[in-house]
N, C-alpha and C. Protein backbone atom coordinates (compact mmCIF):
# COMPACT_ATOMS: atom_id res chain seq x y z
N UNK A 1 -7.62 12.81 8.17
CA UNK A 1 -8.57 11.76 7.97
C UNK A 1 -8.27 10.62 8.94
N UNK A 2 -8.11 11.08 10.17
CA UNK A 2 -7.82 10.13 11.25
C UNK A 2 -8.91 9.08 11.34
N UNK A 3 -8.49 7.87 11.64
CA UNK A 3 -9.44 6.79 11.81
C UNK A 3 -9.75 6.03 10.53
N UNK A 4 -9.31 6.56 9.38
CA UNK A 4 -9.55 5.88 8.12
C UNK A 4 -8.26 5.21 7.66
N UNK A 5 -8.35 3.97 7.22
CA UNK A 5 -7.17 3.27 6.72
C UNK A 5 -6.74 3.90 5.41
N UNK A 6 -5.47 4.25 5.34
CA UNK A 6 -4.91 4.90 4.17
C UNK A 6 -5.14 4.05 2.92
N UNK A 7 -5.67 4.65 1.89
CA UNK A 7 -6.00 4.06 0.59
C UNK A 7 -7.14 3.06 0.62
N UNK A 8 -7.91 3.05 1.70
CA UNK A 8 -9.13 2.23 1.70
C UNK A 8 -10.18 2.97 0.87
N UNK A 9 -11.25 2.29 0.52
CA UNK A 9 -12.32 2.94 -0.24
C UNK A 9 -12.94 4.07 0.58
N UNK A 10 -13.04 3.90 1.89
CA UNK A 10 -13.57 4.96 2.75
C UNK A 10 -12.66 6.18 2.72
N UNK A 11 -11.36 5.94 2.75
CA UNK A 11 -10.37 7.02 2.69
C UNK A 11 -10.51 7.76 1.36
N UNK A 12 -10.61 7.02 0.24
CA UNK A 12 -10.75 7.63 -1.07
C UNK A 12 -12.00 8.48 -1.16
N UNK A 13 -13.10 7.96 -0.64
CA UNK A 13 -14.37 8.71 -0.66
C UNK A 13 -14.26 10.01 0.13
N UNK A 14 -13.64 9.94 1.30
CA UNK A 14 -13.47 11.15 2.11
C UNK A 14 -12.52 12.13 1.44
N UNK A 15 -11.45 11.64 0.84
CA UNK A 15 -10.52 12.52 0.12
C UNK A 15 -11.24 13.22 -1.03
N UNK A 16 -12.04 12.48 -1.77
CA UNK A 16 -12.80 13.08 -2.87
C UNK A 16 -13.77 14.13 -2.36
N UNK A 17 -14.47 13.82 -1.29
CA UNK A 17 -15.42 14.79 -0.72
C UNK A 17 -14.71 16.08 -0.34
N UNK A 18 -13.57 15.95 0.34
CA UNK A 18 -12.82 17.14 0.78
C UNK A 18 -12.24 17.92 -0.39
N UNK A 19 -11.69 17.23 -1.37
CA UNK A 19 -11.13 17.93 -2.53
C UNK A 19 -12.21 18.71 -3.26
N UNK A 20 -13.36 18.10 -3.44
CA UNK A 20 -14.46 18.80 -4.14
C UNK A 20 -14.95 20.00 -3.34
N UNK A 21 -14.97 19.88 -2.02
CA UNK A 21 -15.48 20.96 -1.16
C UNK A 21 -14.46 22.09 -0.99
N UNK A 22 -13.18 21.75 -0.94
CA UNK A 22 -12.17 22.74 -0.56
C UNK A 22 -11.35 23.31 -1.71
N UNK A 23 -11.24 22.59 -2.82
CA UNK A 23 -10.44 23.08 -3.94
C UNK A 23 -11.35 23.63 -5.03
N UNK A 24 -11.45 24.93 -5.08
CA UNK A 24 -12.26 25.57 -6.12
C UNK A 24 -11.44 25.65 -7.41
N UNK A 25 -12.11 25.78 -8.53
CA UNK A 25 -11.36 25.96 -9.79
C UNK A 25 -10.41 27.17 -9.72
N UNK A 26 -10.81 28.20 -9.01
CA UNK A 26 -9.94 29.37 -8.88
C UNK A 26 -8.68 29.05 -8.08
N UNK A 27 -8.81 28.28 -7.00
CA UNK A 27 -7.64 27.88 -6.21
C UNK A 27 -6.69 27.02 -7.04
N UNK A 28 -7.25 26.27 -7.97
CA UNK A 28 -6.46 25.38 -8.82
C UNK A 28 -6.03 26.07 -10.12
N UNK A 29 -6.25 27.38 -10.21
CA UNK A 29 -5.90 28.15 -11.41
C UNK A 29 -6.48 27.54 -12.68
N UNK A 30 -7.64 26.92 -12.52
CA UNK A 30 -8.38 26.32 -13.64
C UNK A 30 -7.52 25.36 -14.48
N UNK A 31 -6.64 24.66 -13.80
CA UNK A 31 -5.74 23.73 -14.47
C UNK A 31 -6.48 22.51 -15.00
N UNK A 32 -6.03 22.01 -16.14
CA UNK A 32 -6.48 20.72 -16.65
C UNK A 32 -5.24 19.85 -16.70
N UNK A 33 -5.22 18.83 -15.85
CA UNK A 33 -4.05 17.97 -15.73
C UNK A 33 -4.44 16.67 -15.04
N UNK A 34 -3.47 15.76 -14.98
CA UNK A 34 -3.69 14.50 -14.28
C UNK A 34 -2.39 14.06 -13.62
N UNK A 35 -2.53 13.33 -12.52
CA UNK A 35 -1.37 12.86 -11.78
C UNK A 35 -1.71 11.52 -11.15
N UNK A 36 -0.77 10.58 -11.24
CA UNK A 36 -0.97 9.33 -10.53
C UNK A 36 0.17 9.13 -9.55
N UNK A 37 -0.21 8.80 -8.33
CA UNK A 37 0.74 8.38 -7.31
C UNK A 37 0.80 6.86 -7.38
N UNK A 38 2.00 6.34 -7.52
CA UNK A 38 2.18 4.89 -7.64
C UNK A 38 2.88 4.42 -6.37
N UNK A 39 2.20 3.58 -5.63
CA UNK A 39 2.66 3.11 -4.32
C UNK A 39 3.29 1.73 -4.47
N UNK A 40 4.55 1.62 -4.06
CA UNK A 40 5.27 0.35 -4.09
C UNK A 40 5.29 -0.25 -2.69
N UNK A 41 5.48 -1.54 -2.61
CA UNK A 41 5.59 -2.23 -1.31
C UNK A 41 4.37 -2.00 -0.43
N UNK A 42 3.19 -2.14 -0.99
CA UNK A 42 1.95 -1.94 -0.25
C UNK A 42 1.74 -3.08 0.75
N UNK A 43 1.01 -2.81 1.83
CA UNK A 43 0.66 -3.89 2.75
C UNK A 43 -0.03 -5.02 1.97
N UNK A 44 0.39 -6.22 2.19
CA UNK A 44 -0.16 -7.34 1.45
C UNK A 44 0.56 -7.60 0.15
N UNK A 45 1.53 -6.75 -0.18
CA UNK A 45 2.33 -6.93 -1.39
C UNK A 45 1.79 -6.19 -2.59
N UNK A 46 2.61 -6.11 -3.59
CA UNK A 46 2.21 -5.49 -4.85
C UNK A 46 2.26 -3.98 -4.84
N UNK A 47 1.70 -3.40 -5.88
CA UNK A 47 1.65 -1.95 -6.02
C UNK A 47 0.20 -1.51 -6.21
N UNK A 48 -0.04 -0.24 -5.92
CA UNK A 48 -1.35 0.37 -6.07
C UNK A 48 -1.15 1.75 -6.66
N UNK A 49 -2.24 2.35 -7.13
CA UNK A 49 -2.14 3.73 -7.62
C UNK A 49 -3.33 4.54 -7.13
N UNK A 50 -3.13 5.85 -7.11
CA UNK A 50 -4.17 6.82 -6.82
C UNK A 50 -4.09 7.86 -7.93
N UNK A 51 -5.14 7.99 -8.71
CA UNK A 51 -5.16 8.86 -9.89
C UNK A 51 -6.06 10.07 -9.64
N UNK A 52 -5.51 11.25 -9.89
CA UNK A 52 -6.25 12.50 -9.81
C UNK A 52 -6.36 13.09 -11.21
N UNK A 53 -7.56 13.51 -11.59
CA UNK A 53 -7.75 14.25 -12.84
C UNK A 53 -8.52 15.53 -12.52
N UNK A 54 -8.00 16.63 -13.06
CA UNK A 54 -8.66 17.93 -12.93
C UNK A 54 -8.96 18.47 -14.31
N UNK A 55 -10.15 19.01 -14.48
CA UNK A 55 -10.56 19.64 -15.73
C UNK A 55 -11.06 21.04 -15.41
N UNK A 56 -10.40 22.03 -15.99
CA UNK A 56 -10.73 23.43 -15.76
C UNK A 56 -10.74 23.75 -14.26
N UNK A 57 -9.82 23.11 -13.52
CA UNK A 57 -9.67 23.38 -12.10
C UNK A 57 -10.55 22.58 -11.18
N UNK A 58 -11.45 21.79 -11.72
CA UNK A 58 -12.36 20.99 -10.89
C UNK A 58 -11.93 19.53 -10.92
N UNK A 59 -12.01 18.87 -9.78
CA UNK A 59 -11.71 17.45 -9.72
C UNK A 59 -12.72 16.70 -10.58
N UNK A 60 -12.22 15.96 -11.56
CA UNK A 60 -13.13 15.18 -12.40
C UNK A 60 -13.04 13.68 -12.10
N UNK A 61 -11.92 13.26 -11.48
CA UNK A 61 -11.77 11.85 -11.16
C UNK A 61 -10.76 11.67 -10.04
N UNK A 62 -11.08 10.80 -9.13
CA UNK A 62 -10.15 10.33 -8.10
C UNK A 62 -10.39 8.84 -8.00
N UNK A 63 -9.46 8.06 -8.56
CA UNK A 63 -9.65 6.62 -8.58
C UNK A 63 -8.42 5.91 -8.03
N UNK A 64 -8.64 4.68 -7.59
CA UNK A 64 -7.57 3.84 -7.06
C UNK A 64 -7.63 2.50 -7.76
N UNK A 65 -6.51 1.81 -7.70
CA UNK A 65 -6.49 0.47 -8.25
C UNK A 65 -5.17 -0.21 -7.96
N UNK A 66 -5.05 -1.43 -8.45
CA UNK A 66 -3.82 -2.20 -8.28
C UNK A 66 -3.11 -2.29 -9.61
N UNK A 67 -1.80 -2.44 -9.55
CA UNK A 67 -1.02 -2.62 -10.77
C UNK A 67 -0.76 -1.33 -11.49
N UNK A 68 -0.66 -1.41 -12.80
CA UNK A 68 -0.32 -0.27 -13.64
C UNK A 68 -1.47 0.74 -13.70
N UNK A 69 -1.19 2.03 -13.45
CA UNK A 69 -2.25 3.04 -13.47
C UNK A 69 -2.59 3.47 -14.90
N UNK A 70 -3.75 4.09 -15.08
CA UNK A 70 -4.08 4.69 -16.37
C UNK A 70 -3.07 5.81 -16.68
N UNK A 71 -3.00 6.19 -17.92
CA UNK A 71 -2.09 7.27 -18.33
C UNK A 71 -2.43 8.55 -17.58
N UNK A 72 -1.36 9.28 -17.21
CA UNK A 72 -1.52 10.57 -16.54
C UNK A 72 -0.37 11.47 -16.98
N UNK A 73 -0.60 12.77 -16.89
CA UNK A 73 0.43 13.73 -17.27
C UNK A 73 1.65 13.62 -16.36
N UNK A 74 1.43 13.41 -15.08
CA UNK A 74 2.51 13.27 -14.11
C UNK A 74 2.37 11.94 -13.40
N UNK A 75 3.51 11.30 -13.11
CA UNK A 75 3.55 10.05 -12.35
C UNK A 75 4.56 10.21 -11.23
N UNK A 76 4.13 9.94 -10.02
CA UNK A 76 5.02 9.99 -8.86
C UNK A 76 5.04 8.59 -8.26
N UNK A 77 6.23 8.04 -8.13
CA UNK A 77 6.37 6.68 -7.64
C UNK A 77 7.17 6.69 -6.34
N UNK A 78 6.69 5.93 -5.36
CA UNK A 78 7.41 5.83 -4.10
C UNK A 78 6.86 4.72 -3.23
N UNK A 79 7.53 4.53 -2.12
CA UNK A 79 7.14 3.50 -1.17
C UNK A 79 5.83 3.88 -0.47
N UNK A 80 4.97 2.92 -0.27
CA UNK A 80 3.69 3.12 0.39
C UNK A 80 3.86 3.89 1.71
N UNK A 81 4.81 3.46 2.54
CA UNK A 81 4.99 4.08 3.86
C UNK A 81 5.37 5.55 3.76
N UNK A 82 6.14 5.94 2.76
CA UNK A 82 6.50 7.35 2.58
C UNK A 82 5.25 8.16 2.25
N UNK A 83 4.45 7.69 1.29
CA UNK A 83 3.21 8.38 0.95
C UNK A 83 2.27 8.46 2.16
N UNK A 84 2.17 7.39 2.93
CA UNK A 84 1.29 7.38 4.11
C UNK A 84 1.75 8.43 5.12
N UNK A 85 3.06 8.53 5.35
CA UNK A 85 3.57 9.53 6.30
C UNK A 85 3.31 10.95 5.79
N UNK A 86 3.46 11.17 4.50
CA UNK A 86 3.18 12.49 3.93
C UNK A 86 1.71 12.85 4.14
N UNK A 87 0.81 11.89 3.89
CA UNK A 87 -0.63 12.18 4.03
C UNK A 87 -1.03 12.45 5.48
N UNK A 88 -0.26 11.90 6.44
CA UNK A 88 -0.53 12.14 7.86
C UNK A 88 0.27 13.33 8.41
N UNK A 89 0.96 14.05 7.52
CA UNK A 89 1.79 15.19 7.90
C UNK A 89 2.89 14.81 8.88
N UNK A 90 3.41 13.59 8.73
CA UNK A 90 4.52 13.13 9.56
C UNK A 90 5.85 13.31 8.85
N UNK A 91 5.81 13.63 7.59
CA UNK A 91 7.02 13.79 6.79
C UNK A 91 6.89 14.98 5.90
């Protein structure tokens, strides 16, 4: 997603479009689960989150926000720069 600022609304929209197009319920083994990535030390300060929800293998929600995320089955917390490098396949 070159050219898009990581965790911008444009980035989130493109990520959602790609996930819906490329991840079929069969590829996801029809899983029902949720996961939030919690980003610390974000540009401008503070923390942010990215929440994924899947129902029967289909993406049902991809949301972002600041502060404490909604409840999720899994929570992954780390530094913003580490998550950014992972998303760019640099790490």
